[in-house]
Amino acid sequence: MPLSPLDIHNKEFSRRLRGYDEDEVNEFLDQIIKDYEAMIRENKELQSQLSGMQEKLGHFANIEETLSKTI
């Protein structure tokens, strides 16, 4: 199952001596969340557009078939 922005936001890491700067990591994760959400929105928009185009294609294929039978 793919990660959601909420999964990224809620991810906890263990702490160790001489580990990474927590604020720097959190800022980076925030940027990842924003970018990931944008990609999810774009993907949904593209899927919607694709669905619309497939409907139009089906419509025109039906018209083509009707014209072919008429001729």
PDB file of N, CA and C in Angstrom:
ATOM      1  N   MET A   1       0.847  -1.179   0.000  1.00  0.00           N
ATOM      2  CA  MET A   1       0.000   0.000   0.000  1.00  0.00           C
ATOM      3  C   MET A   1       0.891   1.240   0.000  1.00  0.00           C
ATOM      4  N   PRO A   2       0.631   2.184  -0.898  1.00  0.00           N
ATOM      5  CA  PRO A   2       1.493   3.368  -0.984  1.00  0.00           C
ATOM      6  C   PRO A   2       1.343   4.275   0.246  1.00  0.00           C
ATOM      7  N   LEU A   3       2.373   5.037   0.484  1.00  0.00           N
ATOM      8  CA  LEU A   3       2.358   5.993   1.592  1.00  0.00           C
ATOM      9  C   LEU A   3       1.400   7.131   1.304  1.00  0.00           C
ATOM     10  N   SER A   4       0.793   7.628   2.341  1.00  0.00           N
ATOM     11  CA  SER A   4      -0.024   8.825   2.215  1.00  0.00           C
ATOM     12  C   SER A   4       0.746   9.985   2.850  1.00  0.00           C
ATOM     13  N   PRO A   5       0.370  11.222   2.526  1.00  0.00           N
ATOM     14  CA  PRO A   5       1.032  12.355   3.190  1.00  0.00           C
ATOM     15  C   PRO A   5       0.923  12.272   4.716  1.00  0.00           C
ATOM     16  N   LEU A   6      -0.193  11.738   5.197  1.00  0.00           N
ATOM     17  CA  LEU A   6      -0.371  11.598   6.646  1.00  0.00           C
ATOM     18  C   LEU A   6       0.611  10.572   7.221  1.00  0.00           C
ATOM     19  N   ASP A   7       0.886   9.501   6.478  1.00  0.00           N
ATOM     20  CA  ASP A   7       1.878   8.517   6.921  1.00  0.00           C
ATOM     21  C   ASP A   7       3.255   9.168   7.067  1.00  0.00           C
ATOM     22  N   ILE A   8       3.600  10.011   6.125  1.00  0.00           N
ATOM     23  CA  ILE A   8       4.892  10.695   6.179  1.00  0.00           C
ATOM     24  C   ILE A   8       4.919  11.638   7.373  1.00  0.00           C
ATOM     25  N   HIS A   9       3.828  12.358   7.566  1.00  0.00           N
ATOM     26  CA  HIS A   9       3.750  13.330   8.658  1.00  0.00           C
ATOM     27  C   HIS A   9       3.863  12.645  10.019  1.00  0.00           C
ATOM     28  N   ASN A  10       3.255  11.495  10.173  1.00  0.00           N
ATOM     29  CA  ASN A  10       3.214  10.812  11.462  1.00  0.00           C
ATOM     30  C   ASN A  10       4.401   9.879  11.713  1.00  0.00           C
ATOM     31  N   LYS A  11       5.303   9.768  10.767  1.00  0.00           N
ATOM     32  CA  LYS A  11       6.451   8.872  10.917  1.00  0.00           C
ATOM     33  C   LYS A  11       7.345   9.356  12.062  1.00  0.00           C
ATOM     34  N   GLU A  12       7.676   8.449  12.955  1.00  0.00           N
ATOM     35  CA  GLU A  12       8.570   8.738  14.068  1.00  0.00           C
ATOM     36  C   GLU A  12       9.870   7.969  13.861  1.00  0.00           C
ATOM     37  N   PHE A  13      10.977   8.608  14.145  1.00  0.00           N
ATOM     38  CA  PHE A  13      12.284   7.982  14.034  1.00  0.00           C
ATOM     39  C   PHE A  13      12.893   7.872  15.422  1.00  0.00           C
ATOM     40  N   SER A  14      13.670   6.827  15.618  1.00  0.00           N
ATOM     41  CA  SER A  14      14.330   6.672  16.915  1.00  0.00           C
ATOM     42  C   SER A  14      15.461   7.689  17.021  1.00  0.00           C
ATOM     43  N   ARG A  15      15.777   8.046  18.251  1.00  0.00           N
ATOM     44  CA  ARG A  15      16.829   9.042  18.487  1.00  0.00           C
ATOM     45  C   ARG A  15      18.094   8.331  18.945  1.00  0.00           C
ATOM     46  N   ARG A  16      19.191   8.822  18.456  1.00  0.00           N
ATOM     47  CA  ARG A  16      20.495   8.260  18.829  1.00  0.00           C
ATOM     48  C   ARG A  16      21.460   9.407  19.071  1.00  0.00           C
ATOM     49  N   LEU A  17      22.461   9.097  19.777  1.00  0.00           N
ATOM     50  CA  LEU A  17      23.518  10.076  20.026  1.00  0.00           C
ATOM     51  C   LEU A  17      24.161  10.459  18.695  1.00  0.00           C
ATOM     52  N   ARG A  18      24.354  11.726  18.506  1.00  0.00           N
ATOM     53  CA  ARG A  18      24.986  12.258  17.295  1.00  0.00           C
ATOM     54  C   ARG A  18      24.145  11.948  16.049  1.00  0.00           C
ATOM     55  N   GLY A  19      22.813  11.984  16.191  1.00  0.00           N
ATOM     56  CA  GLY A  19      21.918  11.736  15.074  1.00  0.00           C
ATOM     57  C   GLY A  19      21.750  12.981  14.223  1.00  0.00           C
ATOM     58  N   TYR A  20      20.799  12.934  13.325  1.00  0.00           N
ATOM     59  CA  TYR A  20      20.512  14.061  12.443  1.00  0.00           C
ATOM     60  C   TYR A  20      19.830  15.185  13.203  1.00  0.00           C
ATOM     61  N   ASP A  21      19.925  16.398  12.661  1.00  0.00           N
ATOM     62  CA  ASP A  21      19.255  17.557  13.234  1.00  0.00           C
ATOM     63  C   ASP A  21      17.749  17.377  13.049  1.00  0.00           C
ATOM     64  N   GLU A  22      17.020  17.286  14.137  1.00  0.00           N
ATOM     65  CA  GLU A  22      15.589  16.998  14.092  1.00  0.00           C
ATOM     66  C   GLU A  22      14.817  18.063  13.311  1.00  0.00           C
ATOM     67  N   ASP A  23      15.149  19.326  13.504  1.00  0.00           N
ATOM     68  CA  ASP A  23      14.448  20.398  12.792  1.00  0.00           C
ATOM     69  C   ASP A  23      14.684  20.316  11.285  1.00  0.00           C
ATOM     70  N   GLU A  24      15.901  20.006  10.904  1.00  0.00           N
ATOM     71  CA  GLU A  24      16.232  19.885   9.479  1.00  0.00           C
ATOM     72  C   GLU A  24      15.470  18.722   8.845  1.00  0.00           C
ATOM     73  N   VAL A  25      15.403  17.608   9.553  1.00  0.00           N
ATOM     74  CA  VAL A  25      14.675  16.444   9.055  1.00  0.00           C
ATOM     75  C   VAL A  25      13.190  16.780   8.934  1.00  0.00           C
ATOM     76  N   ASN A  26      12.627  17.432   9.944  1.00  0.00           N
ATOM     77  CA  ASN A  26      11.206  17.795   9.910  1.00  0.00           C
ATOM     78  C   ASN A  26      10.889  18.754   8.773  1.00  0.00           C
ATOM     79  N   GLU A  27      11.761  19.712   8.517  1.00  0.00           N
ATOM     80  CA  GLU A  27      11.557  20.633   7.400  1.00  0.00           C
ATOM     81  C   GLU A  27      11.571  19.884   6.073  1.00  0.00           C
ATOM     82  N   PHE A  28      12.497  18.956   5.937  1.00  0.00           N
ATOM     83  CA  PHE A  28      12.585  18.172   4.715  1.00  0.00           C
ATOM     84  C   PHE A  28      11.337  17.308   4.543  1.00  0.00           C
ATOM     85  N   LEU A  29      10.874  16.675   5.613  1.00  0.00           N
ATOM     86  CA  LEU A  29       9.658  15.860   5.538  1.00  0.00           C
ATOM     87  C   LEU A  29       8.442  16.720   5.191  1.00  0.00           C
ATOM     88  N   ASP A  30       8.385  17.946   5.716  1.00  0.00           N
ATOM     89  CA  ASP A  30       7.286  18.852   5.367  1.00  0.00           C
ATOM     90  C   ASP A  30       7.285  19.156   3.877  1.00  0.00           C
ATOM     91  N   GLN A  31       8.469  19.369   3.310  1.00  0.00           N
ATOM     92  CA  GLN A  31       8.567  19.629   1.870  1.00  0.00           C
ATOM     93  C   GLN A  31       8.143  18.404   1.072  1.00  0.00           C
ATOM     94  N   ILE A  32       8.543  17.228   1.534  1.00  0.00           N
ATOM     95  CA  ILE A  32       8.147  15.991   0.864  1.00  0.00           C
ATOM     96  C   ILE A  32       6.626  15.845   0.893  1.00  0.00           C
ATOM     97  N   ILE A  33       6.016  16.150   2.031  1.00  0.00           N
ATOM     98  CA  ILE A  33       4.560  16.050   2.157  1.00  0.00           C
ATOM     99  C   ILE A  33       3.874  16.978   1.163  1.00  0.00           C
ATOM    100  N   LYS A  34       4.339  18.221   1.063  1.00  0.00           N
ATOM    101  CA  LYS A  34       3.737  19.178   0.125  1.00  0.00           C
ATOM    102  C   LYS A  34       3.857  18.686  -1.311  1.00  0.00           C
ATOM    103  N   ASP A  35       5.049  18.230  -1.675  1.00  0.00           N
ATOM    104  CA  ASP A  35       5.273  17.751  -3.040  1.00  0.00           C
ATOM    105  C   ASP A  35       4.439  16.499  -3.331  1.00  0.00           C
ATOM    106  N   TYR A  36       4.353  15.615  -2.351  1.00  0.00           N
ATOM    107  CA  TYR A  36       3.602  14.366  -2.519  1.00  0.00           C
ATOM    108  C   TYR A  36       2.114  14.658  -2.686  1.00  0.00           C
ATOM    109  N   GLU A  37       1.598  15.592  -1.881  1.00  0.00           N
ATOM    110  CA  GLU A  37       0.190  15.974  -2.010  1.00  0.00           C
ATOM    111  C   GLU A  37      -0.079  16.583  -3.387  1.00  0.00           C
ATOM    112  N   ALA A  38       0.850  17.402  -3.872  1.00  0.00           N
ATOM    113  CA  ALA A  38       0.695  18.005  -5.198  1.00  0.00           C
ATOM    114  C   ALA A  38       0.681  16.928  -6.279  1.00  0.00           C
ATOM    115  N   MET A  39       1.537  15.928  -6.144  1.00  0.00           N
ATOM    116  CA  MET A  39       1.573  14.851  -7.129  1.00  0.00           C
ATOM    117  C   MET A  39       0.288  14.023  -7.090  1.00  0.00           C
ATOM    118  N   ILE A  40      -0.255  13.798  -5.910  1.00  0.00           N
ATOM    119  CA  ILE A  40      -1.508  13.058  -5.789  1.00  0.00           C
ATOM    120  C   ILE A  40      -2.641  13.829  -6.463  1.00  0.00           C
ATOM    121  N   ARG A  41      -2.710  15.148  -6.211  1.00  0.00           N
ATOM    122  CA  ARG A  41      -3.746  15.981  -6.846  1.00  0.00           C
ATOM    123  C   ARG A  41      -3.595  15.961  -8.364  1.00  0.00           C
ATOM    124  N   GLU A  42      -2.364  16.112  -8.843  1.00  0.00           N
ATOM    125  CA  GLU A  42      -2.122  16.115 -10.290  1.00  0.00           C
ATOM    126  C   GLU A  42      -2.513  14.770 -10.892  1.00  0.00           C
ATOM    127  N   ASN A  43      -2.190  13.682 -10.217  1.00  0.00           N
ATOM    128  CA  ASN A  43      -2.530  12.350 -10.708  1.00  0.00           C
ATOM    129  C   ASN A  43      -4.049  12.188 -10.805  1.00  0.00           C
ATOM    130  N   LYS A  44      -4.776  12.650  -9.802  1.00  0.00           N
ATOM    131  CA  LYS A  44      -6.237  12.555  -9.833  1.00  0.00           C
ATOM    132  C   LYS A  44      -6.816  13.385 -10.975  1.00  0.00           C
ATOM    133  N   GLU A  45      -6.268  14.582 -11.190  1.00  0.00           N
ATOM    134  CA  GLU A  45      -6.725  15.429 -12.293  1.00  0.00           C
ATOM    135  C   GLU A  45      -6.468  14.754 -13.637  1.00  0.00           C
ATOM    136  N   LEU A  46      -5.296  14.179 -13.793  1.00  0.00           N
ATOM    137  CA  LEU A  46      -4.959  13.506 -15.050  1.00  0.00           C
ATOM    138  C   LEU A  46      -5.833  12.277 -15.280  1.00  0.00           C
ATOM    139  N   GLN A  47      -6.128  11.538 -14.215  1.00  0.00           N
ATOM    140  CA  GLN A  47      -7.017  10.392 -14.346  1.00  0.00           C
ATOM    141  C   GLN A  47      -8.413  10.840 -14.756  1.00  0.00           C
ATOM    142  N   SER A  48      -8.863  11.955 -14.205  1.00  0.00           N
ATOM    143  CA  SER A  48     -10.166  12.490 -14.571  1.00  0.00           C
ATOM    144  C   SER A  48     -10.183  12.915 -16.039  1.00  0.00           C
ATOM    145  N   GLN A  49      -9.127  13.593 -16.471  1.00  0.00           N
ATOM    146  CA  GLN A  49      -9.028  14.000 -17.875  1.00  0.00           C
ATOM    147  C   GLN A  49      -8.998  12.785 -18.788  1.00  0.00           C
ATOM    148  N   LEU A  50      -8.260  11.770 -18.402  1.00  0.00           N
ATOM    149  CA  LEU A  50      -8.173  10.548 -19.200  1.00  0.00           C
ATOM    150  C   LEU A  50      -9.539   9.894 -19.324  1.00  0.00           C
ATOM    151  N   SER A  51     -10.267   9.853 -18.236  1.00  0.00           N
ATOM    152  CA  SER A  51     -11.610   9.277 -18.264  1.00  0.00           C
ATOM    153  C   SER A  51     -12.506  10.046 -19.227  1.00  0.00           C
ATOM    154  N   GLY A  52     -12.435  11.372 -19.181  1.00  0.00           N
ATOM    155  CA  GLY A  52     -13.221  12.198 -20.092  1.00  0.00           C
ATOM    156  C   GLY A  52     -12.845  11.965 -21.545  1.00  0.00           C
ATOM    157  N   MET A  53     -11.559  11.845 -21.811  1.00  0.00           N
ATOM    158  CA  MET A  53     -11.099  11.608 -23.178  1.00  0.00           C
ATOM    159  C   MET A  53     -11.541  10.233 -23.674  1.00  0.00           C
ATOM    160  N   GLN A  54     -11.533   9.244 -22.783  1.00  0.00           N
ATOM    161  CA  GLN A  54     -11.972   7.906 -23.179  1.00  0.00           C
ATOM    162  C   GLN A  54     -13.468   7.902 -23.509  1.00  0.00           C
ATOM    163  N   GLU A  55     -14.242   8.673 -22.755  1.00  0.00           N
ATOM    164  CA  GLU A  55     -15.670   8.794 -23.069  1.00  0.00           C
ATOM    165  C   GLU A  55     -15.873   9.438 -24.433  1.00  0.00           C
ATOM    166  N   LYS A  56     -15.130  10.507 -24.712  1.00  0.00           N
ATOM    167  CA  LYS A  56     -15.231  11.168 -26.013  1.00  0.00           C
ATOM    168  C   LYS A  56     -14.815  10.222 -27.135  1.00  0.00           C
ATOM    169  N   LEU A  57     -13.743   9.478 -26.914  1.00  0.00           N
ATOM    170  CA  LEU A  57     -13.273   8.529 -27.915  1.00  0.00           C
ATOM    171  C   LEU A  57     -14.344   7.486 -28.198  1.00  0.00           C
ATOM    172  N   GLY A  58     -14.980   6.995 -27.138  1.00  0.00           N
ATOM    173  CA  GLY A  58     -16.065   6.033 -27.313  1.00  0.00           C
ATOM    174  C   GLY A  58     -17.216   6.622 -28.109  1.00  0.00           C
ATOM    175  N   HIS A  59     -17.529   7.870 -27.831  1.00  0.00           N
ATOM    176  CA  HIS A  59     -18.599   8.556 -28.560  1.00  0.00           C
ATOM    177  C   HIS A  59     -18.265   8.657 -30.051  1.00  0.00           C
ATOM    178  N   PHE A  60     -17.037   9.086 -30.341  1.00  0.00           N
ATOM    179  CA  PHE A  60     -16.644   9.232 -31.743  1.00  0.00           C
ATOM    180  C   PHE A  60     -16.514   7.880 -32.444  1.00  0.00           C
ATOM    181  N   ALA A  61     -16.116   6.867 -31.713  1.00  0.00           N
ATOM    182  CA  ALA A  61     -16.054   5.525 -32.306  1.00  0.00           C
ATOM    183  C   ALA A  61     -17.458   5.048 -32.659  1.00  0.00           C
ATOM    184  N   ASN A  62     -18.409   5.383 -31.813  1.00  0.00           N
ATOM    185  CA  ASN A  62     -19.801   5.032 -32.079  1.00  0.00           C
ATOM    186  C   ASN A  62     -20.319   5.771 -33.319  1.00  0.00           C
ATOM    187  N   ILE A  63     -19.982   7.044 -33.427  1.00  0.00           N
ATOM    188  CA  ILE A  63     -20.371   7.830 -34.610  1.00  0.00           C
ATOM    189  C   ILE A  63     -19.732   7.238 -35.863  1.00  0.00           C
ATOM    190  N   GLU A  64     -18.469   6.865 -35.767  1.00  0.00           N
ATOM    191  CA  GLU A  64     -17.759   6.281 -36.906  1.00  0.00           C
ATOM    192  C   GLU A  64     -18.458   4.983 -37.335  1.00  0.00           C
ATOM    193  N   GLU A  65     -18.806   4.158 -36.390  1.00  0.00           N
ATOM    194  CA  GLU A  65     -19.464   2.903 -36.684  1.00  0.00           C
ATOM    195  C   GLU A  65     -20.830   3.142 -37.355  1.00  0.00           C
ATOM    196  N   THR A  66     -21.564   4.106 -36.838  1.00  0.00           N
ATOM    197  CA  THR A  66     -22.865   4.437 -37.415  1.00  0.00           C
ATOM    198  C   THR A  66     -22.712   4.941 -38.840  1.00  0.00           C
ATOM    199  N   LEU A  67     -21.728   5.796 -39.090  1.00  0.00           N
ATOM    200  CA  LEU A  67     -21.494   6.317 -40.430  1.00  0.00           C
ATOM    201  C   LEU A  67     -21.074   5.194 -41.384  1.00  0.00           C
ATOM    202  N   SER A  68     -20.245   4.266 -40.892  1.00  0.00           N
ATOM    203  CA  SER A  68     -19.813   3.166 -41.728  1.00  0.00           C
ATOM    204  C   SER A  68     -21.005   2.275 -42.130  1.00  0.00           C
ATOM    205  N   LYS A  69     -21.894   2.041 -41.198  1.00  0.00           N
ATOM    206  CA  LYS A  69     -23.073   1.223 -41.489  1.00  0.00           C
ATOM    207  C   LYS A  69     -24.010   1.958 -42.441  1.00  0.00           C
ATOM    208  N   THR A  70     -24.066   3.284 -42.339  1.00  0.00           N
ATOM    209  CA  THR A  70     -24.931   4.079 -43.194  1.00  0.00           C
ATOM    210  C   THR A  70     -24.443   4.051 -44.644  1.00  0.00           C
ATOM    211  N   ILE A  71     -23.158   4.063 -44.814  1.00  0.00           N
ATOM    212  CA  ILE A  71     -22.555   4.060 -46.154  1.00  0.00           C
ATOM    213  C   ILE A  71     -22.678   2.671 -46.704  1.00  0.00           C
TER     214      ILE A  71
END
